[in-house]
Amino acid sequence: MKNILTISIILFALSSISFSQPDKEEAERIALQGVEKCDHGFYDEAIRLFDEALLLDSGNFVYIYEKGYAYYMKKDFQTSIDIIEPLLNEDNSIDQFYQLVGNSYDNLGQDEKALQVYNEGIEKFPNSGKLFLERGNFYYQNDNEWNAVDEWEKGIEVDPYFSSNYYNLTLFFSETEEEIWALLYGEIFMNLEKNTERTYEISKLLYDTYSNTIRIIDENEISVSITKNVVYIEPGKPSVDKERFEMYYEIAVAESSIPLIKGFNLKNLYKTRKNFLKYWYDNRLNKDFSNSLINWQKEVLDKGFFKIYNYWLLSLGRVNEFEEWVSKNENEFDKFAEWFVNNNIKLLKSTKYSRMHYHN
């Protein structure tokens, strides 16, 4: 679950105080070559290039970090520590320094030292989703699963647009009786990280979670089990009120799942999820249980893109059905893609996006 990320090109630009200075410009050019080499696994060549850059622009913390990162990728963790640890107390230090050093100690089997570095980093950068991610990973690897969940959820509390905490939470809750949170966290994750291998993994997981938790017993009965309790619904009959958000959500899913009686596929899942929004808003559950993701789904529906959005969201569950649908609706899908790139989910505490918001 390591999540070290190379610092972006933007940071290179920010670190160059004067682009008019030839040495700094040349150092940046060489360092960017180093990043490319590192990205392709040529770590020794990358290190040589970062050393060249540092000769031209000595003390540039970005180049020092990238050199330490290259050693980390070589699995020379002690050298990575030796390079980066002196930067931790500098005024221009960043949370990724603590992330890299802590992970290096972890890989060396020095658990207590790794945790100490994560703790110090969080004290200095209390809004770092990355460091809560790593502290959660540390607990998870040491068999403290619910401590890990607490850390990942603290991470989305302080840094709601950092995707990796949602990813870990999705995987965790998909293996529990509270699969509702795999559905919610997973969909938020896909809105934050829209086109990576992890996106495709979570798309299939979401589809599989729906198919594993919604049972069509017969044409008159449906069961849904996305929380610790199982809700049985006879179509057309009212449900018993429950206190918890999770139970209201589960009831809403059950009340909305009639289309799935005709078959479990993307088309009928879209209809189910559209029915869910109608049920949720008709019963004013949006007032009782404000939720950022459900608000976002309603916005997508109001913009006329909800069908396409659902086909994209769950596409890896039924790839052939998705590809066939897109081939017949290319113009419509292109319009959605253009809109989707420029419009993002809004994650506000006032409209709740975390399990903690409902149970604290």
Protein backbone atom coordinates (compact mmCIF):
# COMPACT_ATOMS: atom_id res chain seq x y z
CA MET A 1 0.00 0.00 0.00
CA LYS A 2 2.94 2.33 -0.45
CA ASN A 3 2.01 5.57 -2.12
CA ILE A 4 5.15 7.61 -2.81
CA LEU A 5 4.52 10.01 -5.68
CA THR A 6 7.11 11.90 -7.69
CA ILE A 7 6.77 15.65 -7.15
CA SER A 8 5.10 17.23 -10.15
CA ILE A 9 6.67 19.40 -12.78
CA ILE A 10 4.82 22.32 -11.24
CA LEU A 11 7.08 22.11 -8.20
CA PHE A 12 10.11 22.35 -10.42
CA ALA A 13 8.74 25.61 -11.76
CA LEU A 14 8.04 26.91 -8.27
CA SER A 15 11.50 26.01 -7.05
CA SER A 16 13.31 27.98 -9.77
CA ILE A 17 13.51 31.49 -8.38
CA SER A 18 14.75 33.06 -11.55
CA PHE A 19 14.23 31.33 -14.86
CA SER A 20 16.46 33.91 -16.52
CA GLN A 21 19.53 32.41 -14.85
CA PRO A 22 21.09 29.97 -17.34
CA ASP A 23 22.38 27.59 -14.65
CA LYS A 24 18.96 27.22 -13.07
CA GLU A 25 17.31 26.68 -16.43
CA GLU A 26 19.88 24.04 -17.34
CA ALA A 27 19.48 22.39 -13.92
CA GLU A 28 15.73 22.20 -14.40
CA ARG A 29 16.15 20.69 -17.88
CA ILE A 30 18.54 18.03 -16.56
CA ALA A 31 16.37 17.27 -13.52
CA LEU A 32 13.30 16.75 -15.69
CA GLN A 33 15.30 14.23 -17.69
CA GLY A 34 16.10 12.57 -14.39
CA VAL A 35 12.43 12.32 -13.49
CA GLU A 36 11.69 10.70 -16.85
CA LYS A 37 14.52 8.20 -16.34
CA CYS A 38 13.24 7.40 -12.86
CA ASP A 39 9.70 6.93 -14.13
CA HIS A 40 11.01 4.33 -16.60
CA GLY A 41 13.09 2.46 -14.03
CA PHE A 42 16.55 3.78 -14.93
CA TYR A 43 17.38 4.78 -11.38
CA ASP A 44 21.18 5.00 -11.59
CA GLU A 45 20.94 7.25 -14.63
CA ALA A 46 18.33 9.36 -12.85
CA ILE A 47 20.59 9.76 -9.81
CA ARG A 48 23.47 10.88 -12.03
CA LEU A 49 21.23 13.50 -13.65
CA PHE A 50 19.99 14.80 -10.30
CA ASP A 51 23.60 15.14 -9.15
CA GLU A 52 24.33 17.15 -12.30
CA ALA A 53 21.36 19.39 -11.60
CA LEU A 54 22.52 19.93 -8.02
CA LEU A 55 25.96 21.01 -9.23
CA LEU A 56 24.23 23.82 -11.14
CA ASP A 57 21.62 24.63 -8.48
CA SER A 58 22.99 23.39 -5.18
CA GLY A 59 20.57 23.03 -2.31
CA ASN A 60 17.46 22.81 -4.49
CA PHE A 61 15.21 20.71 -2.24
CA VAL A 62 13.20 19.32 -5.16
CA TYR A 63 16.26 17.80 -6.79
CA ILE A 64 17.43 16.43 -3.44
CA TYR A 65 14.03 14.84 -2.91
CA GLU A 66 14.02 13.30 -6.38
CA LYS A 67 17.47 11.84 -5.77
CA GLY A 68 16.27 10.34 -2.48
CA TYR A 69 13.19 9.00 -4.23
CA ALA A 70 15.34 7.32 -6.90
CA TYR A 71 17.33 5.55 -4.18
CA TYR A 72 14.02 4.52 -2.57
CA MET A 73 12.90 3.00 -5.86
CA LYS A 74 16.24 1.16 -6.04
CA LYS A 75 15.33 -0.26 -2.63
CA ASP A 76 18.38 1.42 -1.13
CA PHE A 77 16.27 2.69 1.73
CA GLN A 78 19.09 3.71 4.05
CA THR A 79 20.65 5.98 1.44
CA SER A 80 17.24 7.50 0.79
CA ILE A 81 16.94 8.26 4.51
CA ASP A 82 20.45 9.71 4.63
CA ILE A 83 19.56 12.10 1.79
CA ILE A 84 16.07 13.19 2.86
CA GLU A 85 16.09 13.08 6.67
CA PRO A 86 18.25 16.24 7.01
CA LEU A 87 15.51 18.13 5.13
CA LEU A 88 12.74 17.34 7.61
CA ASN A 89 13.33 20.32 9.87
CA GLU A 90 14.01 22.80 7.10
CA ASP A 91 11.57 25.68 6.61
CA ASN A 92 10.81 24.53 3.07
CA SER A 93 10.16 20.90 3.99
CA ILE A 94 6.95 19.28 2.73
CA ASP A 95 4.84 16.35 3.81
CA GLN A 96 6.28 14.10 1.10
CA PHE A 97 9.69 14.25 2.83
CA TYR A 98 8.16 12.65 5.93
CA GLN A 99 6.27 10.19 3.75
CA LEU A 100 9.44 9.04 2.00
CA VAL A 101 11.55 8.80 5.16
CA GLY A 102 8.82 7.01 7.11
CA ASN A 103 8.27 4.49 4.34
CA SER A 104 12.02 3.92 4.08
CA TYR A 105 12.24 3.09 7.78
CA ASP A 106 9.20 0.84 7.40
CA ASN A 107 10.88 -1.06 4.57
CA LEU A 108 13.96 -1.50 6.73
CA GLY A 109 11.79 -3.12 9.42
CA GLN A 110 12.25 -0.21 11.84
CA ASP A 111 8.58 0.06 12.75
CA GLU A 112 8.87 2.35 15.74
CA LYS A 113 11.06 4.80 13.84
CA ALA A 114 8.66 4.80 10.88
CA LEU A 115 5.70 5.57 13.15
CA GLN A 116 7.69 8.31 14.88
CA VAL A 117 8.38 9.98 11.51
CA TYR A 118 4.71 9.77 10.47
CA ASN A 119 3.67 11.24 13.82
CA GLU A 120 6.15 14.10 13.54
CA GLY A 121 5.01 14.74 9.99
CA ILE A 122 1.35 14.91 10.97
CA GLU A 123 2.18 17.27 13.82
CA LYS A 124 3.88 19.57 11.31
CA PHE A 125 1.37 18.98 8.48
CA PRO A 126 -1.96 18.22 10.19
CA ASN A 127 -3.88 18.49 6.91
CA SER A 128 -1.76 15.99 4.99
CA GLY A 129 -3.90 13.20 3.57
CA LYS A 130 -0.69 11.49 2.48
CA LEU A 131 0.65 11.14 6.01
CA PHE A 132 -2.65 9.88 7.41
CA LEU A 133 -2.62 7.38 4.54
CA GLU A 134 0.82 6.15 5.53
CA ARG A 135 0.04 5.97 9.22
CA GLY A 136 -3.07 4.00 8.32
CA ASN A 137 -1.02 1.70 6.12
CA PHE A 138 1.38 1.20 9.01
CA TYR A 139 -1.43 0.13 11.35
CA TYR A 140 -2.99 -2.10 8.69
CA GLN A 141 0.30 -3.91 8.08
CA ASN A 142 0.60 -4.44 11.84
CA ASP A 143 -2.87 -6.04 12.08
CA ASN A 144 -4.59 -3.01 13.60
CA GLU A 145 -7.24 -2.81 10.89
CA TRP A 146 -9.72 -0.50 12.60
CA ASN A 147 -6.94 1.85 13.68
CA ALA A 148 -6.01 1.95 10.01
CA VAL A 149 -9.60 2.80 9.08
CA ASP A 150 -9.59 5.63 11.63
CA GLU A 151 -6.43 7.05 10.05
CA TRP A 152 -7.71 6.82 6.48
CA GLU A 153 -10.97 8.45 7.51
CA LYS A 154 -9.08 11.21 9.31
CA GLY A 155 -7.17 11.60 6.05
CA ILE A 156 -10.32 12.23 4.04
CA GLU A 157 -11.55 14.56 6.77
CA VAL A 158 -8.52 16.86 6.51
CA ASP A 159 -7.77 16.36 2.79
CA PRO A 160 -11.02 15.29 1.10
CA TYR A 161 -9.71 15.52 -2.47
CA PHE A 162 -6.75 13.17 -1.92
CA SER A 163 -7.94 9.94 -3.51
CA SER A 164 -5.80 7.19 -1.97
CA ASN A 165 -7.51 7.13 1.43
CA TYR A 166 -10.84 6.49 -0.31
CA TYR A 167 -9.20 3.71 -2.31
CA ASN A 168 -7.96 1.90 0.79
CA LEU A 169 -11.29 2.37 2.57
CA THR A 170 -13.14 0.96 -0.43
CA LEU A 171 -11.02 -2.19 -0.44
CA PHE A 172 -11.38 -2.58 3.30
CA PHE A 173 -15.16 -2.17 3.51
CA SER A 174 -15.73 -4.43 0.51
CA GLU A 175 -14.58 -7.28 2.77
CA THR A 176 -16.90 -6.38 5.67
CA GLU A 177 -20.62 -6.50 6.37
CA GLU A 178 -20.74 -2.72 5.90
CA GLU A 179 -20.36 -2.80 2.12
CA ILE A 180 -22.38 0.38 1.85
CA TRP A 181 -19.13 2.24 2.57
CA ALA A 182 -17.35 0.40 -0.21
CA LEU A 183 -20.07 1.69 -2.56
CA LEU A 184 -19.88 5.26 -1.26
CA TYR A 185 -16.12 5.60 -0.86
CA GLY A 186 -15.50 3.75 -4.12
CA GLU A 187 -17.70 6.07 -6.17
CA ILE A 188 -16.10 9.15 -4.61
CA PHE A 189 -12.69 7.67 -5.39
CA MET A 190 -13.60 7.21 -9.05
CA ASN A 191 -14.69 10.83 -9.26
CA LEU A 192 -11.33 11.95 -7.87
CA GLU A 193 -9.14 9.54 -9.84
CA LYS A 194 -10.93 9.12 -13.14
CA ASN A 195 -8.54 7.23 -15.38
CA THR A 196 -5.98 4.94 -13.74
CA GLU A 197 -5.59 1.21 -13.23
CA ARG A 198 -7.04 1.71 -9.75
CA THR A 199 -10.10 3.36 -11.30
CA TYR A 200 -10.76 0.26 -13.40
CA GLU A 201 -10.25 -1.97 -10.37
CA ILE A 202 -12.79 -0.04 -8.31
CA SER A 203 -15.29 0.09 -11.20
CA LYS A 204 -15.41 -3.71 -11.24
CA LEU A 205 -15.50 -3.85 -7.44
CA LEU A 206 -18.54 -1.54 -7.37
CA TYR A 207 -20.41 -3.64 -9.92
CA ASP A 208 -19.53 -6.84 -8.07
CA THR A 209 -20.61 -5.32 -4.76
CA TYR A 210 -24.03 -4.47 -6.18
CA SER A 211 -24.38 -7.95 -7.69
CA ASN A 212 -23.30 -9.66 -4.46
CA THR A 213 -25.52 -7.63 -2.11
CA ILE A 214 -28.78 -7.28 -4.06
CA ARG A 215 -30.62 -10.57 -4.25
CA ILE A 216 -33.69 -11.09 -6.42
CA ILE A 217 -35.55 -13.79 -4.51
CA ASP A 218 -38.53 -13.86 -6.86
CA GLU A 219 -40.69 -11.37 -8.72
CA ASN A 220 -42.26 -10.29 -5.44
CA GLU A 221 -39.27 -10.08 -3.11
CA ILE A 222 -35.83 -8.46 -3.06
CA SER A 223 -33.18 -8.58 -0.33
CA VAL A 224 -30.37 -6.07 0.11
CA SER A 225 -27.45 -6.65 2.47
CA ILE A 226 -25.06 -3.70 2.37
CA THR A 227 -25.10 -3.19 6.15
CA LYS A 228 -25.01 -5.59 9.09
CA ASN A 229 -28.76 -6.03 8.75
CA VAL A 230 -30.56 -7.44 5.73
CA VAL A 231 -33.58 -5.54 4.43
CA TYR A 232 -36.31 -7.47 2.65
CA ILE A 233 -38.69 -5.51 0.47
CA GLU A 234 -41.91 -6.59 -1.18
CA PRO A 235 -42.38 -4.19 -4.11
CA GLY A 236 -45.02 -1.58 -3.42
CA LYS A 237 -45.14 -2.07 0.35
CA PRO A 238 -43.80 0.64 2.70
CA SER A 239 -40.66 0.02 4.73
CA VAL A 240 -40.20 0.34 8.47
CA ASP A 241 -38.33 3.50 9.50
CA LYS A 242 -34.81 3.01 10.83
CA GLU A 243 -32.53 5.37 12.73
CA ARG A 244 -29.17 4.97 11.04
CA PHE A 245 -28.16 6.56 7.74
CA GLU A 246 -26.95 3.16 6.56
CA MET A 247 -30.36 1.59 7.10
CA TYR A 248 -32.22 4.35 5.31
CA TYR A 249 -29.77 3.99 2.43
CA GLU A 250 -30.23 0.23 2.30
CA ILE A 251 -34.00 0.56 2.34
CA ALA A 252 -33.82 3.09 -0.48
CA VAL A 253 -31.70 0.69 -2.54
CA ALA A 254 -34.15 -2.14 -1.90
CA GLU A 255 -37.16 0.01 -2.80
CA SER A 256 -35.43 1.04 -6.02
CA SER A 257 -34.19 -2.33 -7.28
CA ILE A 258 -37.30 -3.55 -9.10
CA PRO A 259 -35.65 -3.18 -12.56
CA LEU A 260 -33.08 -5.81 -11.56
CA ILE A 261 -35.82 -8.46 -11.49
CA LYS A 262 -35.53 -8.37 -15.30
CA GLY A 263 -31.78 -9.02 -15.21
CA PHE A 264 -28.59 -7.80 -13.58
CA ASN A 265 -26.79 -5.55 -16.07
CA LEU A 266 -25.67 -1.95 -16.59
CA LYS A 267 -29.01 -0.90 -18.05
CA ASN A 268 -31.02 -2.10 -15.08
CA LEU A 269 -28.46 -0.92 -12.53
CA TYR A 270 -28.74 2.56 -14.06
CA LYS A 271 -32.54 2.39 -13.67
CA THR A 272 -32.12 1.20 -10.07
CA ARG A 273 -29.75 4.03 -9.20
CA LYS A 274 -32.06 6.56 -10.88
CA ASN A 275 -34.98 5.16 -8.87
CA PHE A 276 -32.84 5.49 -5.75
CA LEU A 277 -32.43 9.24 -6.30
CA LYS A 278 -36.16 9.68 -6.85
CA TYR A 279 -36.94 7.72 -3.66
CA TRP A 280 -34.30 9.61 -1.67
CA TYR A 281 -35.53 13.06 -2.66
CA ASP A 282 -39.26 12.22 -2.70
CA ASN A 283 -38.93 11.06 0.91
CA ARG A 284 -36.83 14.13 1.81
CA LEU A 285 -33.98 11.95 2.98
CA ASN A 286 -31.65 14.54 1.46
CA LYS A 287 -32.81 16.84 4.28
CA ASP A 288 -32.38 14.25 7.02
CA PHE A 289 -29.10 12.79 5.74
CA SER A 290 -27.23 15.32 3.67
CA ASN A 291 -24.57 13.58 1.59
CA SER A 292 -22.02 15.00 -0.86
CA LEU A 293 -22.06 11.98 -3.16
CA ILE A 294 -25.84 11.80 -3.42
CA ASN A 295 -25.97 15.55 -4.07
CA TRP A 296 -23.42 15.04 -6.85
CA GLN A 297 -25.47 12.22 -8.37
CA LYS A 298 -28.51 14.52 -8.39
CA GLU A 299 -26.46 17.23 -10.12
CA VAL A 300 -25.34 14.76 -12.81
CA LEU A 301 -28.97 13.66 -13.23
CA ASP A 302 -30.18 17.25 -13.58
CA LYS A 303 -27.51 17.89 -16.23
CA GLY A 304 -28.82 14.95 -18.26
CA PHE A 305 -25.71 12.80 -17.92
CA PHE A 306 -26.74 10.29 -15.28
CA LYS A 307 -27.20 7.33 -17.63
CA ILE A 308 -23.80 7.84 -19.25
CA TYR A 309 -22.20 8.45 -15.86
CA ASN A 310 -23.54 5.14 -14.54
CA TYR A 311 -22.38 3.22 -17.59
CA TRP A 312 -18.90 4.70 -17.09
CA LEU A 313 -18.91 4.14 -13.31
CA LEU A 314 -19.75 0.44 -13.52
CA SER A 315 -18.25 -0.29 -16.93
CA LEU A 316 -15.64 -2.83 -15.81
CA GLY A 317 -18.39 -5.03 -14.41
CA ARG A 318 -19.77 -5.64 -17.90
CA VAL A 319 -17.19 -4.45 -20.40
CA ASN A 320 -18.93 -5.78 -23.52
CA GLU A 321 -22.23 -4.14 -22.61
CA PHE A 322 -20.46 -0.84 -21.93
CA GLU A 323 -18.49 -0.90 -25.19
CA GLU A 324 -21.58 -1.79 -27.21
CA TRP A 325 -23.52 1.05 -25.61
CA VAL A 326 -20.74 3.58 -26.23
CA SER A 327 -20.40 2.49 -29.87
CA LYS A 328 -24.07 3.38 -30.38
CA ASN A 329 -23.89 6.62 -28.38
CA GLU A 330 -20.46 8.08 -29.16
CA ASN A 331 -21.58 11.70 -29.51
CA GLU A 332 -23.51 11.55 -26.27
CA PHE A 333 -20.57 9.97 -24.45
CA ASP A 334 -18.15 12.58 -25.83
CA LYS A 335 -20.38 15.39 -24.54
CA PHE A 336 -20.43 13.76 -21.11
CA ALA A 337 -16.64 13.27 -21.11
CA GLU A 338 -16.07 16.94 -21.94
CA TRP A 339 -18.44 18.03 -19.18
CA PHE A 340 -17.04 15.50 -16.70
CA VAL A 341 -13.45 16.68 -17.13
CA ASN A 342 -14.45 20.23 -16.19
CA ASN A 343 -16.94 19.46 -13.43
CA ASN A 344 -16.00 17.71 -10.20
CA ILE A 345 -17.72 16.39 -7.12
CA LYS A 346 -17.90 18.88 -4.23
CA LEU A 347 -16.89 17.37 -0.89
CA LEU A 348 -18.14 19.56 1.95
CA LYS A 349 -18.49 18.67 5.62
CA SER A 350 -21.90 20.34 5.56
CA THR A 351 -23.00 17.74 3.03
CA LYS A 352 -21.09 14.81 4.58
CA TYR A 353 -18.87 12.41 2.69
CA SER A 354 -17.39 10.32 5.51
CA ARG A 355 -18.72 7.57 7.76
CA MET A 356 -17.32 9.63 10.66
CA HIS A 357 -19.71 12.47 9.85
CA TYR A 358 -22.69 10.23 10.68
CA HIS A 359 -21.32 8.56 13.80
CA ASN A 360 -19.34 11.19 15.73
